[in-house]
Protein backbone atom coordinates (compact mmCIF):
# COMPACT_ATOMS: atom_id res chain seq x y z
CA MET A 1 -4.09 -34.58 -84.95
CA SER A 2 -7.51 -35.94 -84.26
CA ILE A 3 -9.37 -35.04 -80.93
CA LYS A 4 -9.13 -37.61 -78.13
CA ILE A 5 -11.26 -37.80 -75.18
CA ILE A 6 -9.14 -38.53 -72.17
CA LYS A 7 -10.66 -40.75 -69.44
CA GLU A 8 -7.48 -42.33 -68.02
CA LEU A 9 -3.80 -41.27 -67.38
CA ILE A 10 -1.85 -39.43 -69.94
CA SER A 11 1.80 -38.23 -69.48
CA LYS A 12 3.23 -34.71 -69.68
CA ASN A 13 5.53 -36.18 -72.31
CA ASP A 14 2.56 -37.23 -74.35
CA LEU A 15 1.16 -33.74 -74.03
CA ARG A 16 4.51 -32.17 -75.18
CA GLU A 17 4.31 -34.38 -78.30
CA ILE A 18 0.64 -33.05 -79.10
CA ALA A 19 1.78 -29.45 -78.37
CA LYS A 20 4.81 -29.81 -80.85
CA ASP A 21 2.24 -31.07 -83.49
CA GLN A 22 -0.24 -27.99 -83.01
CA PHE A 23 0.83 -24.89 -81.19
CA GLY A 24 4.48 -25.57 -80.17
CA ASP A 25 4.13 -25.25 -76.40
CA MET A 26 0.38 -25.36 -75.75
CA VAL A 27 -2.52 -27.76 -75.95
CA LYS A 28 -6.13 -26.74 -76.00
CA ALA A 29 -8.43 -28.91 -73.78
CA VAL A 30 -12.06 -29.01 -72.84
CA VAL A 31 -12.92 -30.34 -69.48
CA ASP A 32 -16.20 -31.96 -68.41
CA ILE A 33 -16.37 -31.14 -64.65
CA LYS A 34 -19.24 -33.38 -64.15
CA GLN A 35 -17.79 -36.61 -65.75
CA GLY A 36 -14.35 -35.98 -64.80
CA ILE A 37 -12.95 -36.17 -68.50
CA MET A 38 -11.47 -33.97 -71.08
CA ALA A 39 -10.70 -33.52 -74.79
CA ILE A 40 -7.43 -32.53 -76.34
CA GLY A 41 -6.00 -32.28 -79.83
CA GLY A 42 -8.28 -29.86 -81.32
CA GLU A 43 -7.44 -26.71 -83.29
CA LEU A 44 -10.25 -24.89 -81.43
CA HIS A 45 -11.97 -25.39 -78.09
CA ALA A 46 -15.20 -25.31 -79.98
CA ASP A 47 -14.19 -28.31 -81.90
CA GLU A 48 -13.32 -30.26 -78.74
CA GLU A 49 -16.67 -29.26 -76.99
CA ALA A 50 -18.66 -30.48 -80.19
CA VAL A 51 -16.79 -33.89 -79.75
CA MET A 52 -17.63 -33.96 -76.05
CA ILE A 53 -21.35 -33.21 -76.64
CA GLU A 54 -21.40 -35.90 -79.28
CA ASN A 55 -20.16 -38.32 -76.75
CA GLY A 56 -22.63 -37.29 -73.95
CA SER A 57 -21.33 -34.22 -72.17
CA ARG A 58 -23.55 -31.44 -71.53
CA GLN A 59 -22.53 -28.04 -72.62
CA HIS A 60 -23.00 -26.27 -69.22
CA ASN A 61 -20.38 -28.79 -67.82
CA LEU A 62 -17.65 -27.86 -70.24
CA TRP A 63 -15.04 -25.51 -69.87
CA GLY A 64 -12.03 -24.69 -72.10
CA ILE A 65 -8.46 -24.43 -70.87
CA ASN A 66 -4.87 -24.34 -72.31
CA LEU A 67 -2.27 -26.46 -71.00
CA TYR A 68 1.46 -25.73 -71.19
CA PRO A 69 3.34 -28.90 -70.13
CA ASP A 70 6.60 -27.13 -69.80
CA ILE A 71 5.46 -24.63 -67.33
CA LEU A 72 5.68 -25.84 -63.58
CA GLY A 73 3.19 -25.10 -60.85
CA GLU A 74 -0.38 -24.02 -61.31
CA ASP A 75 0.61 -21.55 -64.06
CA TRP A 76 0.53 -24.66 -66.45
CA ILE A 77 -3.25 -24.41 -66.62
CA GLU A 78 -4.58 -21.34 -68.30
CA PHE A 79 -8.45 -20.56 -67.86
CA ASN A 80 -8.96 -18.83 -71.33
CA SER A 81 -11.39 -19.90 -74.06
CA MET A 82 -14.18 -18.38 -75.98
CA ILE A 83 -16.50 -21.26 -75.08
CA ASN A 84 -16.23 -19.93 -71.37
CA ILE A 85 -18.22 -16.72 -72.09
CA ARG A 86 -21.58 -17.67 -70.62
CA PRO A 87 -23.59 -14.90 -69.02
CA SER A 88 -26.45 -17.38 -68.37
CA GLN A 89 -23.97 -19.11 -65.88
CA GLY A 90 -22.64 -15.87 -64.45
CA ASN A 91 -19.36 -16.14 -66.58
CA LYS A 92 -19.11 -13.23 -68.68
CA THR A 93 -15.34 -13.35 -69.87
CA ARG A 94 -13.04 -15.92 -71.60
CA GLY A 95 -11.63 -16.66 -68.28
CA ILE A 96 -13.37 -18.85 -65.66
CA GLU A 97 -14.53 -16.51 -62.92
CA ASP A 98 -15.79 -19.03 -60.42
CA GLN A 99 -12.91 -20.29 -58.14
CA LYS A 100 -14.74 -23.52 -57.28
CA ILE A 101 -14.92 -24.39 -61.05
CA GLN A 102 -11.27 -23.58 -61.55
CA HIS A 103 -10.33 -25.87 -58.41
CA LYS A 104 -12.54 -28.65 -59.83
CA ILE A 105 -10.63 -28.46 -63.35
CA ARG A 106 -7.33 -28.60 -61.50
CA GLU A 107 -8.36 -31.65 -59.65
CA ILE A 108 -9.51 -33.23 -62.91
CA VAL A 109 -6.29 -32.38 -64.76
CA ALA A 110 -4.22 -33.61 -61.99
CA LYS A 111 -6.06 -36.79 -61.95
CA LEU A 112 -5.57 -37.34 -65.70
CA ILE A 113 -2.20 -35.81 -66.09
CA PRO A 114 0.10 -36.44 -63.19
CA ASN A 115 3.14 -34.52 -62.77
């Protein structure tokens, strides 16, 4: 599947279909916390990140997550990606340590992928 930039609503059923074609139960995504958009469909977060940058996003606004459409509640979003390791931004792990950034990502995902 090719990488898609999501600016408007996508259903969890659409996400499930993408997951089936790739990892089975999970879709990788990169969220631009400034623009409120995200990229999905890449094999690697780094591929999605590159597409976002090519389309005007700035790297320091991009965060990698994994989405599990069959999991209910907040646990359906996993904050885990190699692109999140950014000591210069105070993030030293694959996770997203800043709770404000996590909250912003949850808001964007909820806006683009309603339950």
